[in-house]
Protein backbone atom coordinates (compact mmCIF):
# COMPACT_ATOMS: atom_id res chain seq x y z
CA MET A 1 0.00 0.00 0.00
CA TYR A 2 1.15 3.49 -0.81
CA LYS A 3 1.82 6.17 1.78
CA PHE A 4 -0.60 8.97 0.99
CA LEU A 5 -1.73 12.30 2.39
CA VAL A 6 -4.82 14.43 1.84
CA ARG A 7 -4.32 18.18 1.68
CA GLN A 8 -6.52 21.19 0.98
CA ALA A 9 -6.66 22.10 -2.70
CA THR A 10 -5.36 25.44 -3.95
CA ILE A 11 -6.33 27.34 -7.08
CA GLU A 12 -3.24 25.86 -8.71
CA ASP A 13 -4.90 22.42 -8.37
CA ALA A 14 -7.91 23.32 -10.52
CA ASP A 15 -6.42 21.89 -13.73
CA PHE A 16 -5.27 18.72 -11.95
CA PHE A 17 -8.78 18.19 -10.56
CA TYR A 18 -10.25 18.52 -14.06
CA ASP A 19 -7.64 16.22 -15.58
CA VAL A 20 -8.22 13.49 -12.97
CA LYS A 21 -11.99 13.72 -13.37
CA LYS A 22 -11.61 13.43 -17.15
CA ILE A 23 -9.32 10.40 -16.89
CA VAL A 24 -11.58 8.63 -14.37
CA LEU A 25 -15.04 9.51 -15.72
CA LYS A 26 -14.68 10.16 -19.44
CA SER A 27 -15.57 6.63 -20.55
CA TYR A 28 -18.72 6.62 -18.38
CA ILE A 29 -19.78 10.09 -19.52
CA ASP A 30 -19.08 9.14 -23.14
CA GLU A 31 -21.39 6.16 -22.79
CA ILE A 32 -24.18 8.05 -20.99
CA TRP A 33 -24.25 11.49 -22.63
CA GLY A 34 -21.23 11.77 -24.88
CA TRP A 35 -18.20 13.79 -23.80
CA ASP A 36 -18.46 17.47 -24.72
CA GLU A 37 -15.14 19.11 -23.82
CA ASP A 38 -16.52 22.67 -23.89
CA PHE A 39 -19.45 21.73 -21.64
CA GLN A 40 -17.19 19.83 -19.24
CA LEU A 41 -14.73 22.73 -18.97
CA GLN A 42 -17.56 25.19 -18.30
CA PHE A 43 -19.12 22.83 -15.73
CA HIS A 44 -15.75 22.51 -14.02
CA LYS A 45 -15.24 26.27 -13.99
CA GLU A 46 -18.66 26.79 -12.37
CA ASN A 47 -18.44 23.91 -9.89
CA PHE A 48 -14.83 23.74 -8.67
CA HIS A 49 -15.03 24.79 -5.02
CA LEU A 50 -11.71 25.13 -3.22
CA ASN A 51 -13.30 24.97 0.23
CA ASN A 52 -14.64 21.46 -0.40
CA THR A 53 -11.78 20.01 -2.43
CA ASN A 54 -8.74 18.09 -1.27
CA ILE A 55 -5.82 16.66 -3.20
CA ILE A 56 -4.63 13.13 -2.49
CA THR A 57 -0.86 12.81 -2.78
CA VAL A 58 1.19 9.63 -2.84
CA ASN A 59 4.83 10.09 -1.89
CA GLY A 60 4.32 13.80 -2.59
CA ILE A 61 2.89 13.25 -6.08
CA PRO A 62 -0.73 14.28 -6.81
CA ALA A 63 -2.69 11.05 -7.25
CA GLY A 64 -6.34 12.03 -6.91
CA THR A 65 -8.98 14.26 -5.43
CA VAL A 66 -11.75 14.08 -2.87
CA GLU A 67 -14.51 16.65 -2.57
CA ILE A 68 -16.64 16.82 0.59
CA SER A 69 -19.68 18.89 1.48
CA GLU A 70 -20.91 18.91 5.07
CA ASN A 71 -23.93 20.30 6.87
CA GLU A 72 -25.48 19.67 10.29
CA GLN A 73 -27.05 16.33 9.32
CA ARG A 74 -24.69 14.79 6.82
CA ILE A 75 -21.28 14.49 5.22
CA PHE A 76 -21.63 14.19 1.45
CA ILE A 77 -18.80 12.75 -0.62
CA CYS A 78 -19.25 14.80 -3.79
CA SER A 79 -16.45 13.04 -5.61
CA LEU A 80 -13.49 10.76 -5.05
CA TYR A 81 -11.20 10.31 -8.05
CA LEU A 82 -7.91 8.41 -8.13
CA LEU A 83 -5.67 8.15 -11.14
CA PRO A 84 -5.78 4.56 -12.49
CA GLU A 85 -2.29 3.67 -11.28
CA TYR A 86 -3.38 4.39 -7.68
CA GLN A 87 -6.69 2.53 -7.81
CA ASN A 88 -7.14 -0.83 -6.08
CA GLN A 89 -4.46 0.05 -3.53
CA LYS A 90 -6.86 0.66 -0.57
CA ILE A 91 -6.35 4.44 -0.83
CA GLY A 92 -10.01 5.15 -1.66
CA THR A 93 -11.18 2.68 0.98
CA THR A 94 -9.01 4.29 3.65
CA ILE A 95 -10.24 7.77 2.74
CA ILE A 96 -13.89 6.72 2.84
CA GLU A 97 -13.32 4.95 6.18
CA LYS A 98 -11.86 8.21 7.54
CA TYR A 99 -15.04 10.08 6.59
CA ILE A 100 -17.23 7.29 7.99
CA SER A 101 -15.34 7.61 11.29
CA GLU A 102 -15.76 11.39 11.22
CA ALA A 103 -19.49 11.02 10.52
CA SER A 104 -19.80 8.57 13.43
CA LYS A 105 -18.06 10.96 15.82
CA LYS A 106 -20.37 13.76 14.72
CA GLN A 107 -23.42 11.46 14.63
CA LYS A 108 -24.15 12.27 11.00
CA THR A 109 -25.18 10.31 7.96
CA ILE A 110 -22.61 9.93 5.20
CA GLU A 111 -23.91 10.04 1.65
CA LEU A 112 -22.69 9.86 -1.93
CA GLU A 113 -23.89 9.24 -5.45
CA VAL A 114 -22.45 6.81 -7.95
CA LEU A 115 -22.99 6.30 -11.66
CA LYS A 116 -25.04 3.21 -12.44
CA LEU A 117 -22.35 2.13 -14.91
CA ASN A 118 -19.64 2.25 -12.23
CA VAL A 119 -20.23 -1.17 -10.68
CA ASN A 120 -16.74 -1.33 -9.14
CA ALA A 121 -17.40 1.79 -7.08
CA GLN A 122 -20.83 0.45 -6.09
CA ARG A 123 -19.21 -2.78 -4.90
CA LEU A 124 -16.69 -0.82 -2.80
CA TYR A 125 -19.36 1.36 -1.19
CA LYS A 126 -21.56 -1.65 -0.41
CA SER A 127 -18.59 -3.42 1.19
CA LEU A 128 -18.15 -0.38 3.44
CA GLY A 129 -21.76 -0.58 4.61
CA PHE A 130 -23.46 1.90 2.32
CA THR A 131 -27.07 1.25 1.37
CA LEU A 132 -28.28 1.80 -2.18
CA THR A 133 -31.36 4.03 -2.40
CA GLU A 134 -33.28 5.76 -5.13
CA GLY A 135 -31.49 7.32 -8.01
CA ASP A 136 -32.25 8.75 -11.39
CA ASP A 137 -31.65 7.54 -14.93
CA THR A 138 -27.86 7.62 -14.58
CA LYS A 139 -26.89 7.35 -10.90
CA TYR A 140 -27.74 5.80 -7.58
CA PHE A 141 -27.70 7.52 -4.21
CA MET A 142 -26.06 5.69 -1.33
CA TYR A 143 -25.90 6.41 2.38
CA LYS A 144 -24.61 5.05 5.66
CA ALA A 145 -26.30 6.12 8.88
CA CYS A 146 -23.56 6.88 11.40
CA ASN A 147 -25.86 8.36 14.01
CA PRO A 148 -27.59 6.48 16.81
């Protein structure tokens, strides 16, 4: 297993975040809607929020991103992207377990959404105790109650 750290994103990380998302999601988005580079760049520009975004580094090298939104009732994992060479190394699992622990301490529910096509991610989330709930045409919503 790699030694990794999670740090707060800076504005200089905006391009890296976009690049990782494109590498990880492009094939799914191509299959569902078709990849439109102009649309994706505009969406990224409008939705990249420094306050919620963290960069995952492995041995000091950027390896992925995790974006979290939190309110009084829940912690929402907006996204968790790892470059392919860092996948299946327990990095994503460890990060999700950290947020599950944090949600338990704060007695909150932890939630996320996952593309229906991404069965590997669904399998991971189910193995960590997430329950599949309603979704829409393209994604499922999943949650784990960490409050008594």
